[in-house]
Each structure stands twice: as structure tokens, then as C-alpha cells.
Amino acid sequence: MASKCRTWFNQLFRYAMVEANLSINPAADLDIVAIPRPPVTHNPFLRMSELPAFLRKLRNYRGRGHITTQWGLRLLLLTGVRTGELRSATPEQFELERGLWIIPPVIVKQLQENLRPEDKDPRQRRSRCLSCRAES
């Protein structure tokens, strides 16, 4: 945001130099005195060798809303959806008989309907997850 503001100030004063005969652009060197951006930290990821230990810890997790958290993370691993798509899921999006999760275009980043087919086991997990969500 600070970078955008500096750009806007710079453009504004450059315009003023042309239109209002301003002799200097006071925003020209703001980038020199600006605080540098913090380094980018990407989301951590699990290596395949770390997955069994993670799943054991997840199974033993007893934090707030632990059942929903456990089933939600399992569903995330099984479907590969984005976390926002999972958190925004509603029971109406699931066609358990057909084994489909129909994610509306307004939620999907690509802005097109997204069908996620699954086998029987994830359907049972999703059904349990939805019942846990309804209870909480």
C-alpha cells in the first residue's frame, strides 16, 4: 500500500510540475527513505516423509473445535482444494450420491464451476464433517 501511495504522490506532483509550474517534485525520492519491505515468507509445506507424523498428531489433536479441524484437514488433503473453498463449503454444494462437490464459481479462484469427484471413503468423511459442522 505504501508503494502505491508513493506512486500516486509522484504522479500527482509530476502533473503539478507541468500544469502548475511546480519547480520540483517533492515525492521523487520517497522510495529512498521508505522502510524496506519485510522478506516474503511462503506458507510451509509438508514433505511426503513428514505426512505420517502429521496425521498422527492430527488424530491426537484436542484443541477447540478439534473434530471439525481434524475432518476439515483430512478433506483438504484428499481433495486438494484451497482453504477458502473448504471454509466456505455448505452442505448444499455436496451431491454425496454422485460423489461430487460442486464449488460455485464465486468461490473458485478460476471463476468457473469446479467439480471434485471422489471415491466412497472421502464421501463418508465429508458426510461426517458436515454433520460435525452442523452440530457446532
N, C-alpha and C. Protein backbone atom coordinates (compact mmCIF):
# COMPACT_ATOMS: atom_id res chain seq x y z
N MET A 1 0.83 -1.20 0.00
CA MET A 1 0.00 0.00 0.00
C MET A 1 0.87 1.25 0.00
N ALA A 2 1.94 1.22 0.78
CA ALA A 2 2.83 2.38 0.83
C ALA A 2 3.44 2.65 -0.53
N SER A 3 3.75 1.60 -1.25
CA SER A 3 4.33 1.75 -2.59
C SER A 3 3.34 2.42 -3.53
N LYS A 4 2.07 2.04 -3.43
CA LYS A 4 1.04 2.66 -4.27
C LYS A 4 0.89 4.14 -3.93
N CYS A 5 0.92 4.46 -2.63
CA CYS A 5 0.80 5.86 -2.21
C CYS A 5 1.96 6.69 -2.76
N ARG A 6 3.16 6.14 -2.68
CA ARG A 6 4.33 6.87 -3.23
C ARG A 6 4.16 7.10 -4.72
N THR A 7 3.65 6.09 -5.42
CA THR A 7 3.43 6.23 -6.86
C THR A 7 2.40 7.31 -7.14
N TRP A 8 1.30 7.31 -6.38
CA TRP A 8 0.26 8.32 -6.58
C TRP A 8 0.80 9.72 -6.31
N PHE A 9 1.55 9.88 -5.21
CA PHE A 9 2.14 11.19 -4.91
C PHE A 9 3.07 11.63 -6.02
N ASN A 10 3.89 10.72 -6.49
CA ASN A 10 4.83 11.04 -7.55
C ASN A 10 4.09 11.49 -8.81
N GLN A 11 3.04 10.78 -9.19
CA GLN A 11 2.25 11.15 -10.37
C GLN A 11 1.56 12.50 -10.17
N LEU A 12 1.03 12.71 -8.97
CA LEU A 12 0.34 13.97 -8.68
C LEU A 12 1.28 15.16 -8.81
N PHE A 13 2.47 15.04 -8.20
CA PHE A 13 3.42 16.15 -8.25
C PHE A 13 4.03 16.32 -9.64
N ARG A 14 4.18 15.25 -10.40
CA ARG A 14 4.65 15.38 -11.77
C ARG A 14 3.62 16.14 -12.59
N TYR A 15 2.36 15.86 -12.35
CA TYR A 15 1.29 16.59 -13.02
C TYR A 15 1.33 18.07 -12.63
N ALA A 16 1.54 18.32 -11.34
CA ALA A 16 1.61 19.70 -10.85
C ALA A 16 2.81 20.44 -11.45
N MET A 17 3.90 19.73 -11.71
CA MET A 17 5.07 20.38 -12.33
C MET A 17 4.72 20.89 -13.73
N VAL A 18 3.88 20.14 -14.44
CA VAL A 18 3.51 20.53 -15.80
C VAL A 18 2.40 21.58 -15.78
N GLU A 19 1.36 21.32 -15.00
CA GLU A 19 0.18 22.17 -15.04
C GLU A 19 0.29 23.43 -14.17
N ALA A 20 0.96 23.33 -13.02
CA ALA A 20 1.01 24.46 -12.10
C ALA A 20 2.41 25.04 -11.96
N ASN A 21 3.30 24.66 -12.85
CA ASN A 21 4.68 25.16 -12.85
C ASN A 21 5.39 24.93 -11.51
N LEU A 22 5.15 23.79 -10.90
CA LEU A 22 5.85 23.43 -9.68
C LEU A 22 7.30 23.13 -10.07
N SER A 23 8.26 23.72 -9.33
CA SER A 23 9.66 23.61 -9.74
C SER A 23 10.28 22.25 -9.44
N ILE A 24 9.88 21.59 -8.34
CA ILE A 24 10.43 20.28 -8.01
C ILE A 24 9.32 19.32 -7.63
N ASN A 25 9.64 18.05 -7.70
CA ASN A 25 8.70 17.00 -7.31
C ASN A 25 9.11 16.51 -5.92
N PRO A 26 8.41 16.92 -4.86
CA PRO A 26 8.80 16.51 -3.51
C PRO A 26 8.65 15.01 -3.25
N ALA A 27 7.91 14.32 -4.10
CA ALA A 27 7.71 12.88 -3.90
C ALA A 27 8.71 12.04 -4.71
N ALA A 28 9.61 12.69 -5.44
CA ALA A 28 10.50 11.96 -6.34
C ALA A 28 11.41 10.98 -5.61
N ASP A 29 11.86 11.29 -4.42
CA ASP A 29 12.81 10.43 -3.73
C ASP A 29 12.23 9.74 -2.50
N LEU A 30 10.92 9.64 -2.41
CA LEU A 30 10.32 8.98 -1.25
C LEU A 30 10.71 7.51 -1.15
N ASP A 31 10.97 6.87 -2.29
CA ASP A 31 11.33 5.46 -2.23
C ASP A 31 12.70 5.25 -1.59
N ILE A 32 13.54 6.26 -1.59
CA ILE A 32 14.87 6.15 -0.97
C ILE A 32 14.76 6.12 0.55
N VAL A 33 13.85 6.91 1.11
CA VAL A 33 13.72 6.99 2.57
C VAL A 33 12.67 6.03 3.14
N ALA A 34 11.99 5.30 2.26
CA ALA A 34 10.93 4.38 2.71
C ALA A 34 11.54 3.19 3.44
N ILE A 35 10.80 2.68 4.40
CA ILE A 35 11.21 1.47 5.12
C ILE A 35 11.14 0.30 4.14
N PRO A 36 12.18 -0.51 4.06
CA PRO A 36 12.14 -1.63 3.12
C PRO A 36 11.07 -2.65 3.50
N ARG A 37 10.57 -3.34 2.48
CA ARG A 37 9.55 -4.36 2.70
C ARG A 37 10.14 -5.52 3.48
N PRO A 38 9.33 -6.13 4.34
CA PRO A 38 9.83 -7.33 5.05
C PRO A 38 10.01 -8.47 4.05
N PRO A 39 10.89 -9.40 4.35
CA PRO A 39 11.08 -10.53 3.42
C PRO A 39 9.81 -11.37 3.30
N VAL A 40 9.61 -11.92 2.14
CA VAL A 40 8.43 -12.74 1.88
C VAL A 40 8.59 -14.09 2.58
N THR A 41 7.55 -14.48 3.32
CA THR A 41 7.56 -15.81 3.93
C THR A 41 6.42 -16.61 3.31
N HIS A 42 6.76 -17.67 2.64
CA HIS A 42 5.76 -18.51 1.98
C HIS A 42 5.17 -19.48 2.99
N ASN A 43 4.00 -19.98 2.67
CA ASN A 43 3.35 -20.95 3.55
C ASN A 43 4.20 -22.21 3.62
N PRO A 44 4.36 -22.77 4.81
CA PRO A 44 5.13 -24.01 4.92
C PRO A 44 4.39 -25.16 4.24
N PHE A 45 5.13 -26.16 3.85
CA PHE A 45 4.54 -27.33 3.23
C PHE A 45 5.08 -28.59 3.89
N LEU A 46 4.35 -29.67 3.72
CA LEU A 46 4.76 -30.96 4.27
C LEU A 46 5.47 -31.77 3.20
N ARG A 47 6.55 -32.37 3.57
CA ARG A 47 7.21 -33.33 2.69
C ARG A 47 6.51 -34.67 2.89
N MET A 48 6.60 -35.52 1.89
CA MET A 48 5.93 -36.83 1.97
C MET A 48 6.39 -37.60 3.21
N SER A 49 7.65 -37.50 3.56
CA SER A 49 8.17 -38.23 4.72
C SER A 49 7.61 -37.68 6.05
N GLU A 50 7.13 -36.44 6.05
CA GLU A 50 6.58 -35.82 7.26
C GLU A 50 5.08 -36.09 7.44
N LEU A 51 4.44 -36.59 6.39
CA LEU A 51 2.99 -36.78 6.41
C LEU A 51 2.51 -37.76 7.47
N PRO A 52 3.13 -38.94 7.66
CA PRO A 52 2.64 -39.85 8.70
C PRO A 52 2.66 -39.23 10.11
N ALA A 53 3.74 -38.53 10.44
CA ALA A 53 3.81 -37.89 11.76
C ALA A 53 2.74 -36.81 11.90
N PHE A 54 2.50 -36.06 10.83
CA PHE A 54 1.47 -35.03 10.86
C PHE A 54 0.09 -35.64 11.09
N LEU A 55 -0.20 -36.73 10.38
CA LEU A 55 -1.51 -37.37 10.53
C LEU A 55 -1.69 -37.96 11.93
N ARG A 56 -0.61 -38.47 12.53
CA ARG A 56 -0.70 -38.96 13.91
C ARG A 56 -1.01 -37.80 14.86
N LYS A 57 -0.32 -36.67 14.68
CA LYS A 57 -0.57 -35.50 15.54
C LYS A 57 -1.99 -34.98 15.33
N LEU A 58 -2.45 -34.99 14.09
CA LEU A 58 -3.80 -34.53 13.79
C LEU A 58 -4.83 -35.44 14.48
N ARG A 59 -4.61 -36.74 14.46
CA ARG A 59 -5.52 -37.68 15.09
C ARG A 59 -5.61 -37.44 16.60
N ASN A 60 -4.50 -37.02 17.20
CA ASN A 60 -4.47 -36.80 18.65
C ASN A 60 -4.77 -35.35 19.05
N TYR A 61 -5.02 -34.48 18.08
CA TYR A 61 -5.29 -33.07 18.35
C TYR A 61 -6.60 -32.93 19.12
N ARG A 62 -6.57 -32.15 20.21
CA ARG A 62 -7.76 -31.95 21.04
C ARG A 62 -8.04 -30.48 21.30
N GLY A 63 -7.66 -29.62 20.40
CA GLY A 63 -7.90 -28.19 20.57
C GLY A 63 -9.36 -27.84 20.35
N ARG A 64 -9.65 -26.54 20.42
CA ARG A 64 -11.02 -26.06 20.24
C ARG A 64 -11.54 -26.46 18.86
N GLY A 65 -12.71 -27.05 18.80
CA GLY A 65 -13.30 -27.48 17.54
C GLY A 65 -12.51 -28.60 16.89
N HIS A 66 -11.91 -29.46 17.71
CA HIS A 66 -10.97 -30.45 17.20
C HIS A 66 -11.56 -31.41 16.17
N ILE A 67 -12.80 -31.80 16.31
CA ILE A 67 -13.39 -32.74 15.35
C ILE A 67 -13.50 -32.07 13.98
N THR A 68 -14.01 -30.84 13.95
CA THR A 68 -14.14 -30.11 12.70
C THR A 68 -12.77 -29.88 12.07
N THR A 69 -11.80 -29.52 12.90
CA THR A 69 -10.44 -29.30 12.40
C THR A 69 -9.86 -30.57 11.81
N GLN A 70 -10.02 -31.68 12.52
CA GLN A 70 -9.48 -32.95 12.03
C GLN A 70 -10.09 -33.35 10.69
N TRP A 71 -11.42 -33.33 10.62
CA TRP A 71 -12.08 -33.73 9.38
C TRP A 71 -11.83 -32.73 8.26
N GLY A 72 -11.80 -31.45 8.59
CA GLY A 72 -11.53 -30.44 7.57
C GLY A 72 -10.15 -30.60 6.95
N LEU A 73 -9.14 -30.83 7.78
CA LEU A 73 -7.78 -31.02 7.25
C LEU A 73 -7.68 -32.31 6.44
N ARG A 74 -8.36 -33.34 6.87
CA ARG A 74 -8.35 -34.58 6.08
C ARG A 74 -9.00 -34.35 4.72
N LEU A 75 -10.13 -33.65 4.72
CA LEU A 75 -10.82 -33.36 3.47
C LEU A 75 -9.95 -32.48 2.57
N LEU A 76 -9.24 -31.56 3.16
CA LEU A 76 -8.32 -30.70 2.40
C LEU A 76 -7.23 -31.53 1.73
N LEU A 77 -6.67 -32.48 2.46
CA LEU A 77 -5.64 -33.35 1.90
C LEU A 77 -6.19 -34.24 0.80
N LEU A 78 -7.41 -34.72 0.96
CA LEU A 78 -7.99 -35.65 -0.02
C LEU A 78 -8.46 -34.96 -1.30
N THR A 79 -8.89 -33.71 -1.21
CA THR A 79 -9.45 -33.03 -2.38
C THR A 79 -8.50 -32.06 -3.05
N GLY A 80 -7.56 -31.50 -2.28
CA GLY A 80 -6.63 -30.54 -2.86
C GLY A 80 -7.25 -29.17 -3.14
N VAL A 81 -8.36 -28.85 -2.52
CA VAL A 81 -8.97 -27.54 -2.73
C VAL A 81 -8.21 -26.48 -1.92
N ARG A 82 -8.49 -25.24 -2.20
CA ARG A 82 -7.90 -24.15 -1.42
C ARG A 82 -8.64 -24.07 -0.08
N THR A 83 -7.94 -23.53 0.91
CA THR A 83 -8.54 -23.46 2.24
C THR A 83 -9.81 -22.61 2.25
N GLY A 84 -9.83 -21.54 1.47
CA GLY A 84 -11.02 -20.68 1.40
C GLY A 84 -12.22 -21.42 0.84
N GLU A 85 -11.98 -22.27 -0.15
CA GLU A 85 -13.07 -23.05 -0.73
C GLU A 85 -13.62 -24.03 0.29
N LEU A 86 -12.73 -24.60 1.08
CA LEU A 86 -13.16 -25.55 2.11
C LEU A 86 -13.94 -24.84 3.22
N ARG A 87 -13.42 -23.70 3.68
CA ARG A 87 -14.10 -22.98 4.76
C ARG A 87 -15.46 -22.44 4.31
N SER A 88 -15.60 -22.13 3.02
CA SER A 88 -16.85 -21.58 2.50
C SER A 88 -17.86 -22.66 2.11
N ALA A 89 -17.49 -23.91 2.21
CA ALA A 89 -18.36 -25.00 1.78
C ALA A 89 -19.64 -25.05 2.59
N THR A 90 -20.72 -25.33 1.90
CA THR A 90 -22.02 -25.50 2.54
C THR A 90 -22.55 -26.89 2.18
N PRO A 91 -23.42 -27.45 2.99
CA PRO A 91 -23.95 -28.79 2.69
C PRO A 91 -24.63 -28.89 1.33
N GLU A 92 -25.21 -27.79 0.84
CA GLU A 92 -25.90 -27.81 -0.45
C GLU A 92 -24.95 -28.06 -1.62
N GLN A 93 -23.65 -27.82 -1.43
CA GLN A 93 -22.69 -27.99 -2.52
C GLN A 93 -22.33 -29.46 -2.75
N PHE A 94 -22.69 -30.34 -1.84
CA PHE A 94 -22.27 -31.73 -1.92
C PHE A 94 -23.39 -32.60 -2.46
N GLU A 95 -23.10 -33.35 -3.50
CA GLU A 95 -24.00 -34.37 -4.02
C GLU A 95 -23.38 -35.71 -3.69
N LEU A 96 -23.64 -36.18 -2.48
CA LEU A 96 -22.99 -37.38 -1.97
C LEU A 96 -23.33 -38.62 -2.78
N GLU A 97 -24.56 -38.69 -3.32
CA GLU A 97 -24.95 -39.86 -4.12
C GLU A 97 -24.08 -39.97 -5.37
N ARG A 98 -23.76 -38.84 -5.97
CA ARG A 98 -22.94 -38.83 -7.19
C ARG A 98 -21.45 -38.70 -6.88
N GLY A 99 -21.13 -38.46 -5.62
CA GLY A 99 -19.73 -38.32 -5.25
C GLY A 99 -19.12 -37.02 -5.74
N LEU A 100 -19.92 -35.93 -5.76
CA LEU A 100 -19.44 -34.65 -6.26
C LEU A 100 -19.53 -33.56 -5.22
N TRP A 101 -18.57 -32.68 -5.29
CA TRP A 101 -18.60 -31.43 -4.53
C TRP A 101 -18.61 -30.34 -5.59
N ILE A 102 -19.70 -29.64 -5.72
CA ILE A 102 -19.83 -28.60 -6.74
C ILE A 102 -19.55 -27.26 -6.08
N ILE A 103 -18.38 -26.72 -6.40
CA ILE A 103 -17.95 -25.45 -5.81
C ILE A 103 -18.39 -24.32 -6.73
N PRO A 104 -19.21 -23.38 -6.22
CA PRO A 104 -19.72 -22.29 -7.07
C PRO A 104 -18.59 -21.41 -7.61
N PRO A 105 -18.80 -20.85 -8.80
CA PRO A 105 -17.77 -20.01 -9.43
C PRO A 105 -17.35 -18.80 -8.60
N VAL A 106 -18.24 -18.27 -7.77
CA VAL A 106 -17.88 -17.08 -6.98
C VAL A 106 -16.84 -17.41 -5.93
N ILE A 107 -16.70 -18.69 -5.57
CA ILE A 107 -15.73 -19.10 -4.55
C ILE A 107 -14.43 -19.55 -5.19
N VAL A 108 -14.54 -20.20 -6.36
CA VAL A 108 -13.36 -20.76 -7.03
C VAL A 108 -12.52 -19.64 -7.63
N LYS A 109 -11.24 -19.72 -7.45
CA LYS A 109 -10.34 -18.68 -7.94
C LYS A 109 -10.40 -18.53 -9.46
N GLN A 110 -10.61 -19.64 -10.18
CA GLN A 110 -10.66 -19.58 -11.64
C GLN A 110 -12.01 -19.05 -12.16
N LEU A 111 -12.96 -18.81 -11.27
CA LEU A 111 -14.28 -18.28 -11.61
C LEU A 111 -15.04 -19.14 -12.60
N GLN A 112 -14.93 -20.43 -12.48
CA GLN A 112 -15.77 -21.35 -13.24
C GLN A 112 -16.18 -22.49 -12.32
N GLU A 113 -17.30 -23.09 -12.63
CA GLU A 113 -17.78 -24.16 -11.75
C GLU A 113 -16.73 -25.26 -11.65
N ASN A 114 -16.52 -25.74 -10.46
CA ASN A 114 -15.47 -26.71 -10.20
C ASN A 114 -16.10 -27.97 -9.64
N LEU A 115 -15.93 -29.08 -10.33
CA LEU A 115 -16.46 -30.36 -9.86
C LEU A 115 -15.32 -31.18 -9.31
N ARG A 116 -15.49 -31.70 -8.11
CA ARG A 116 -14.47 -32.52 -7.47
C ARG A 116 -15.02 -33.93 -7.27
N PRO A 117 -14.68 -34.89 -8.17
CA PRO A 117 -15.15 -36.26 -7.94
C PRO A 117 -14.31 -36.95 -6.88
N GLU A 118 -14.95 -37.83 -6.13
CA GLU A 118 -14.24 -38.57 -5.09
C GLU A 118 -14.72 -40.01 -5.04
N ASP A 119 -13.92 -40.83 -4.38
CA ASP A 119 -14.32 -42.21 -4.17
C ASP A 119 -15.19 -42.29 -2.92
N LYS A 120 -15.58 -43.48 -2.55
CA LYS A 120 -16.53 -43.67 -1.45
C LYS A 120 -16.00 -43.17 -0.10
N ASP A 121 -14.75 -43.45 0.20
CA ASP A 121 -14.19 -43.11 1.52
C ASP A 121 -14.25 -41.61 1.80
N PRO A 122 -13.78 -40.72 0.88
CA PRO A 122 -13.90 -39.29 1.16
C PRO A 122 -15.34 -38.82 1.31
N ARG A 123 -16.28 -39.47 0.59
CA ARG A 123 -17.69 -39.10 0.75
C ARG A 123 -18.16 -39.36 2.17
N GLN A 124 -17.75 -40.48 2.73
CA GLN A 124 -18.12 -40.78 4.11
C GLN A 124 -17.50 -39.77 5.05
N ARG A 125 -16.24 -39.41 4.79
CA ARG A 125 -15.58 -38.41 5.64
C ARG A 125 -16.27 -37.07 5.54
N ARG A 126 -16.63 -36.66 4.33
CA ARG A 126 -17.29 -35.38 4.14
C ARG A 126 -18.63 -35.37 4.84
N SER A 127 -19.36 -36.49 4.74
CA SER A 127 -20.65 -36.59 5.40
C SER A 127 -20.48 -36.41 6.90
N ARG A 128 -19.46 -37.06 7.48
CA ARG A 128 -19.19 -36.90 8.91
C ARG A 128 -18.79 -35.46 9.23
N CYS A 129 -17.98 -34.87 8.36
CA CYS A 129 -17.52 -33.50 8.58
C CYS A 129 -18.72 -32.54 8.57
N LEU A 130 -19.63 -32.73 7.62
CA LEU A 130 -20.81 -31.87 7.55
C LEU A 130 -21.69 -32.04 8.78
N SER A 131 -21.81 -33.26 9.28
CA SER A 131 -22.62 -33.45 10.48
C SER A 131 -21.94 -32.83 11.69
N CYS A 132 -20.60 -32.85 11.73
CA CYS A 132 -19.86 -32.19 12.83
C CYS A 132 -20.08 -30.68 12.77
N ARG A 133 -20.04 -30.14 11.54
CA ARG A 133 -20.20 -28.70 11.37
C ARG A 133 -21.61 -28.27 11.78
N ALA A 134 -22.61 -29.09 11.44
CA ALA A 134 -23.99 -28.76 11.80
C ALA A 134 -24.20 -28.77 13.31
N GLU A 135 -23.45 -29.64 14.00
CA GLU A 135 -23.59 -29.74 15.45
C GLU A 135 -22.91 -28.60 16.18
N SER A 136 -21.86 -28.01 15.57
CA SER A 136 -21.12 -26.95 16.28
C SER A 136 -21.72 -25.59 16.07
